[in-house]
Amino acid sequence: MTIRISFSEKTVRVAVEINGAIESAITELPQRPWVGLTDEEVAYFSYVLDHWTTTHIRGIEALLKAKNERL
């Protein structure tokens, strides 16, 4: 018996070979929902990063969200 497991960004493939016969299954990995920053977290970062406005922080958050949606 031979077992092969392969991964891609979005799927897992398992193939089992028994006596020359191959059975395989492909499973799509679940997509996690986007969880953005809370208003309190944005306010905290605005305070800690002295010259950054909430617009700067929300802009970075939007870029990260877009990047995660492409995966």
C-alpha atoms as a PDB file:
ATOM      1  CA  MET A   1       0.000   0.000   0.000  1.00  0.00           C
ATOM      2  CA  THR A   2       1.271   3.438  -0.962  1.00  0.00           C
ATOM      3  CA  ILE A   3      -0.177   6.699   0.312  1.00  0.00           C
ATOM      4  CA  ARG A   4       0.593  10.027  -1.345  1.00  0.00           C
ATOM      5  CA  ILE A   5      -0.506  13.385   0.037  1.00  0.00           C
ATOM      6  CA  SER A   6      -0.053  16.643  -1.843  1.00  0.00           C
ATOM      7  CA  PHE A   7      -1.002  20.189  -0.970  1.00  0.00           C
ATOM      8  CA  SER A   8      -1.705  23.314  -2.957  1.00  0.00           C
ATOM      9  CA  GLU A   9      -2.773  26.730  -1.721  1.00  0.00           C
ATOM     10  CA  LYS A  10      -6.434  25.716  -1.794  1.00  0.00           C
ATOM     11  CA  THR A  11      -6.618  21.901  -1.830  1.00  0.00           C
ATOM     12  CA  VAL A  12      -5.322  18.689  -0.281  1.00  0.00           C
ATOM     13  CA  ARG A  13      -5.083  15.545  -2.443  1.00  0.00           C
ATOM     14  CA  VAL A  14      -4.753  12.074  -0.954  1.00  0.00           C
ATOM     15  CA  ALA A  15      -4.064   9.080  -3.204  1.00  0.00           C
ATOM     16  CA  VAL A  16      -3.958   5.501  -1.923  1.00  0.00           C
ATOM     17  CA  GLU A  17      -2.636   2.642  -4.049  1.00  0.00           C
ATOM     18  CA  ILE A  18      -3.620  -0.875  -3.007  1.00  0.00           C
ATOM     19  CA  ASN A  19      -2.734  -3.853  -5.232  1.00  0.00           C
ATOM     20  CA  GLY A  20      -2.319  -1.606  -8.285  1.00  0.00           C
ATOM     21  CA  ALA A  21      -5.661   0.187  -7.848  1.00  0.00           C
ATOM     22  CA  ILE A  22      -5.536   3.874  -7.015  1.00  0.00           C
ATOM     23  CA  GLU A  23      -8.228   5.681  -5.050  1.00  0.00           C
ATOM     24  CA  SER A  24      -7.896   9.413  -4.595  1.00  0.00           C
ATOM     25  CA  ALA A  25      -9.768  12.267  -2.994  1.00  0.00           C
ATOM     26  CA  ILE A  26      -9.365  16.006  -3.325  1.00  0.00           C
ATOM     27  CA  THR A  27     -10.567  18.290  -0.557  1.00  0.00           C
ATOM     28  CA  GLU A  28     -10.813  22.061  -0.779  1.00  0.00           C
ATOM     29  CA  LEU A  29      -9.381  23.832   2.232  1.00  0.00           C
ATOM     30  CA  PRO A  30     -11.814  26.162   4.004  1.00  0.00           C
ATOM     31  CA  GLN A  31     -11.389  29.880   3.459  1.00  0.00           C
ATOM     32  CA  ARG A  32     -11.197  31.809   6.685  1.00  0.00           C
ATOM     33  CA  PRO A  33     -13.364  34.906   6.823  1.00  0.00           C
ATOM     34  CA  TRP A  34     -11.621  38.278   6.927  1.00  0.00           C
ATOM     35  CA  VAL A  35     -11.523  39.803  10.385  1.00  0.00           C
ATOM     36  CA  GLY A  36     -10.698  43.494  10.258  1.00  0.00           C
ATOM     37  CA  LEU A  37      -9.426  45.809  12.948  1.00  0.00           C
ATOM     38  CA  THR A  38     -11.855  47.176  15.506  1.00  0.00           C
ATOM     39  CA  ASP A  39     -12.232  50.923  15.943  1.00  0.00           C
ATOM     40  CA  GLU A  40     -10.410  50.571  19.269  1.00  0.00           C
ATOM     41  CA  GLU A  41      -7.457  48.829  17.597  1.00  0.00           C
ATOM     42  CA  VAL A  42      -7.281  51.537  14.939  1.00  0.00           C
ATOM     43  CA  ALA A  43      -7.353  54.225  17.642  1.00  0.00           C
ATOM     44  CA  TYR A  44      -4.571  52.406  19.513  1.00  0.00           C
ATOM     45  CA  PHE A  45      -2.347  52.227  16.425  1.00  0.00           C
ATOM     46  CA  SER A  46      -3.054  55.891  15.666  1.00  0.00           C
ATOM     47  CA  TYR A  47      -1.884  56.728  19.183  1.00  0.00           C
ATOM     48  CA  VAL A  48       1.191  54.475  19.128  1.00  0.00           C
ATOM     49  CA  LEU A  49       2.247  55.442  15.592  1.00  0.00           C
ATOM     50  CA  ASP A  50       2.381  59.129  16.342  1.00  0.00           C
ATOM     51  CA  HIS A  51       1.912  60.639  12.878  1.00  0.00           C
ATOM     52  CA  TRP A  52      -0.375  57.998  11.413  1.00  0.00           C
ATOM     53  CA  THR A  53      -4.037  58.818  10.924  1.00  0.00           C
ATOM     54  CA  THR A  54      -6.906  56.357  10.954  1.00  0.00           C
ATOM     55  CA  THR A  55      -6.973  56.781   7.162  1.00  0.00           C
ATOM     56  CA  HIS A  56      -3.410  55.438   6.916  1.00  0.00           C
ATOM     57  CA  ILE A  57      -4.235  52.440   9.087  1.00  0.00           C
ATOM     58  CA  ARG A  58      -7.524  51.629   7.310  1.00  0.00           C
ATOM     59  CA  GLY A  59      -5.651  51.886   3.987  1.00  0.00           C
ATOM     60  CA  ILE A  60      -3.098  49.302   5.098  1.00  0.00           C
ATOM     61  CA  GLU A  61      -5.940  47.118   6.372  1.00  0.00           C
ATOM     62  CA  ALA A  62      -7.647  47.324   2.939  1.00  0.00           C
ATOM     63  CA  LEU A  63      -4.411  46.303   1.188  1.00  0.00           C
ATOM     64  CA  LEU A  64      -4.028  43.289   3.498  1.00  0.00           C
ATOM     65  CA  LYS A  65      -7.645  42.275   2.931  1.00  0.00           C
ATOM     66  CA  ALA A  66      -7.196  42.418  -0.858  1.00  0.00           C
ATOM     67  CA  LYS A  67      -4.018  40.359  -0.619  1.00  0.00           C
ATOM     68  CA  ASN A  68      -5.743  37.690   1.511  1.00  0.00           C
ATOM     69  CA  GLU A  69      -8.702  37.463  -0.903  1.00  0.00           C
ATOM     70  CA  ARG A  70      -6.318  36.592  -3.757  1.00  0.00           C
ATOM     71  CA  LEU A  71      -4.928  33.559  -1.916  1.00  0.00           C
END
